[in-house]
């Protein structure tokens, strides 16, 4: 058994950003699909920049999901490090 006593806060921040940004990309694609599917029926049909509105979720969702996910993962690493000091860490069997 190997004991995980500490998680690197900034390492967790980087990984959290990438993982949550990928989730955000998926959410953005789904939201864009809804926007493009509903465009012919709404007011956007008369707007010249309707393509930008459809692509906006693909840009904003990964950014916001990534930032929020990185912050939450960073806080989770801090809490884990504090708890592992009291409990001795998490036992993991590798291999």
C-alpha atoms as a PDB file:
ATOM      1  CA  UNK A   1       0.000   0.000   0.000  1.00  0.00           C
ATOM      2  CA  UNK A   2       1.108   3.496  -0.847  1.00  0.00           C
ATOM      3  CA  UNK A   3      -0.100   6.453   1.173  1.00  0.00           C
ATOM      4  CA  UNK A   4      -1.013   9.737  -0.540  1.00  0.00           C
ATOM      5  CA  UNK A   5      -0.113  12.275   2.107  1.00  0.00           C
ATOM      6  CA  UNK A   6      -0.256  15.476   0.074  1.00  0.00           C
ATOM      7  CA  UNK A   7      -1.656  16.732  -3.227  1.00  0.00           C
ATOM      8  CA  UNK A   8       0.182  19.533  -5.004  1.00  0.00           C
ATOM      9  CA  UNK A   9      -2.181  22.501  -5.014  1.00  0.00           C
ATOM     10  CA  UNK A  10      -1.011  24.017  -8.287  1.00  0.00           C
ATOM     11  CA  UNK A  11      -0.760  20.633  -9.963  1.00  0.00           C
ATOM     12  CA  UNK A  12      -4.385  20.007  -8.985  1.00  0.00           C
ATOM     13  CA  UNK A  13      -5.290  23.498 -10.248  1.00  0.00           C
ATOM     14  CA  UNK A  14      -3.812  22.768 -13.702  1.00  0.00           C
ATOM     15  CA  UNK A  15      -5.435  19.364 -13.997  1.00  0.00           C
ATOM     16  CA  UNK A  16      -8.755  20.720 -12.735  1.00  0.00           C
ATOM     17  CA  UNK A  17      -8.679  23.497 -15.333  1.00  0.00           C
ATOM     18  CA  UNK A  18      -8.069  21.095 -18.211  1.00  0.00           C
ATOM     19  CA  UNK A  19     -10.630  18.501 -17.099  1.00  0.00           C
ATOM     20  CA  UNK A  20     -13.379  21.029 -16.432  1.00  0.00           C
ATOM     21  CA  UNK A  21     -12.597  22.951 -19.629  1.00  0.00           C
ATOM     22  CA  UNK A  22     -13.158  19.718 -21.576  1.00  0.00           C
ATOM     23  CA  UNK A  23     -16.491  19.259 -19.782  1.00  0.00           C
ATOM     24  CA  UNK A  24     -17.260  22.879 -20.633  1.00  0.00           C
ATOM     25  CA  UNK A  25     -16.478  22.228 -24.291  1.00  0.00           C
ATOM     26  CA  UNK A  26     -19.012  19.408 -24.323  1.00  0.00           C
ATOM     27  CA  UNK A  27     -21.593  21.620 -22.598  1.00  0.00           C
ATOM     28  CA  UNK A  28     -20.834  24.437 -25.047  1.00  0.00           C
ATOM     29  CA  UNK A  29     -21.351  22.139 -28.016  1.00  0.00           C
ATOM     30  CA  UNK A  30     -24.708  21.022 -26.633  1.00  0.00           C
ATOM     31  CA  UNK A  31     -25.762  24.628 -25.954  1.00  0.00           C
ATOM     32  CA  UNK A  32     -24.660  25.678 -29.439  1.00  0.00           C
ATOM     33  CA  UNK A  33     -26.706  22.851 -30.889  1.00  0.00           C
ATOM     34  CA  UNK A  34     -29.786  24.172 -29.100  1.00  0.00           C
ATOM     35  CA  UNK A  35     -29.067  27.708 -30.263  1.00  0.00           C
ATOM     36  CA  UNK A  36     -28.597  26.679 -33.902  1.00  0.00           C
ATOM     37  CA  UNK A  37     -31.679  24.436 -33.782  1.00  0.00           C
ATOM     38  CA  UNK A  38     -33.867  27.260 -32.496  1.00  0.00           C
ATOM     39  CA  UNK A  39     -32.499  30.094 -34.637  1.00  0.00           C
ATOM     40  CA  UNK A  40     -34.892  29.750 -37.572  1.00  0.00           C
ATOM     41  CA  UNK A  41     -37.844  30.173 -35.196  1.00  0.00           C
ATOM     42  CA  UNK A  42     -36.696  33.104 -33.074  1.00  0.00           C
ATOM     43  CA  UNK A  43     -35.801  36.735 -33.451  1.00  0.00           C
ATOM     44  CA  UNK A  44     -32.238  35.711 -34.275  1.00  0.00           C
ATOM     45  CA  UNK A  45     -33.368  34.803 -37.804  1.00  0.00           C
ATOM     46  CA  UNK A  46     -33.413  38.525 -38.639  1.00  0.00           C
ATOM     47  CA  UNK A  47     -30.062  39.282 -37.016  1.00  0.00           C
ATOM     48  CA  UNK A  48     -26.902  39.495 -39.104  1.00  0.00           C
ATOM     49  CA  UNK A  49     -24.595  38.154 -36.383  1.00  0.00           C
ATOM     50  CA  UNK A  50     -26.576  35.036 -35.547  1.00  0.00           C
ATOM     51  CA  UNK A  51     -23.602  32.730 -36.231  1.00  0.00           C
ATOM     52  CA  UNK A  52     -21.611  34.401 -33.472  1.00  0.00           C
ATOM     53  CA  UNK A  53     -24.438  33.840 -30.992  1.00  0.00           C
ATOM     54  CA  UNK A  54     -24.381  30.149 -31.820  1.00  0.00           C
ATOM     55  CA  UNK A  55     -20.635  29.835 -31.323  1.00  0.00           C
ATOM     56  CA  UNK A  56     -20.471  31.929 -28.167  1.00  0.00           C
ATOM     57  CA  UNK A  57     -21.217  28.965 -25.824  1.00  0.00           C
ATOM     58  CA  UNK A  58     -18.350  26.982 -27.389  1.00  0.00           C
ATOM     59  CA  UNK A  59     -15.989  29.771 -26.374  1.00  0.00           C
ATOM     60  CA  UNK A  60     -17.447  30.845 -23.026  1.00  0.00           C
ATOM     61  CA  UNK A  61     -18.443  27.490 -21.493  1.00  0.00           C
ATOM     62  CA  UNK A  62     -14.929  25.949 -21.535  1.00  0.00           C
ATOM     63  CA  UNK A  63     -13.474  29.174 -20.174  1.00  0.00           C
ATOM     64  CA  UNK A  64     -15.942  29.531 -17.301  1.00  0.00           C
ATOM     65  CA  UNK A  65     -16.091  25.802 -16.527  1.00  0.00           C
ATOM     66  CA  UNK A  66     -12.279  25.667 -16.556  1.00  0.00           C
ATOM     67  CA  UNK A  67     -11.841  28.635 -14.225  1.00  0.00           C
ATOM     68  CA  UNK A  68     -14.512  27.537 -11.752  1.00  0.00           C
ATOM     69  CA  UNK A  69     -13.304  23.905 -11.888  1.00  0.00           C
ATOM     70  CA  UNK A  70      -9.698  24.948 -11.273  1.00  0.00           C
ATOM     71  CA  UNK A  71     -10.704  26.995  -8.231  1.00  0.00           C
ATOM     72  CA  UNK A  72     -12.836  24.176  -6.813  1.00  0.00           C
ATOM     73  CA  UNK A  73     -10.066  21.611  -7.421  1.00  0.00           C
ATOM     74  CA  UNK A  74      -7.517  23.898  -5.756  1.00  0.00           C
ATOM     75  CA  UNK A  75      -9.774  24.265  -2.692  1.00  0.00           C
ATOM     76  CA  UNK A  76     -10.329  20.490  -2.691  1.00  0.00           C
ATOM     77  CA  UNK A  77      -6.554  19.915  -2.653  1.00  0.00           C
ATOM     78  CA  UNK A  78      -6.196  22.323   0.274  1.00  0.00           C
ATOM     79  CA  UNK A  79      -8.925  20.527   2.210  1.00  0.00           C
ATOM     80  CA  UNK A  80      -7.438  17.112   1.411  1.00  0.00           C
ATOM     81  CA  UNK A  81      -3.986  18.225   2.592  1.00  0.00           C
ATOM     82  CA  UNK A  82      -5.482  19.486   5.841  1.00  0.00           C
ATOM     83  CA  UNK A  83      -7.477  16.301   6.399  1.00  0.00           C
ATOM     84  CA  UNK A  84      -4.537  14.045   5.541  1.00  0.00           C
ATOM     85  CA  UNK A  85      -2.449  15.736   8.235  1.00  0.00           C
ATOM     86  CA  UNK A  86      -5.036  14.651  10.791  1.00  0.00           C
ATOM     87  CA  UNK A  87      -5.755  11.177   9.418  1.00  0.00           C
ATOM     88  CA  UNK A  88      -2.433  10.146   7.900  1.00  0.00           C
ATOM     89  CA  UNK A  89      -3.489  10.181   4.248  1.00  0.00           C
ATOM     90  CA  UNK A  90      -5.246   7.928   1.787  1.00  0.00           C
ATOM     91  CA  UNK A  91      -4.027   4.373   1.231  1.00  0.00           C
ATOM     92  CA  UNK A  92      -3.850   3.378  -2.416  1.00  0.00           C
ATOM     93  CA  UNK A  93      -2.796   0.042  -3.888  1.00  0.00           C
ATOM     94  CA  UNK A  94      -0.797   0.575  -7.082  1.00  0.00           C
ATOM     95  CA  UNK A  95      -0.166  -2.197  -9.551  1.00  0.00           C
END
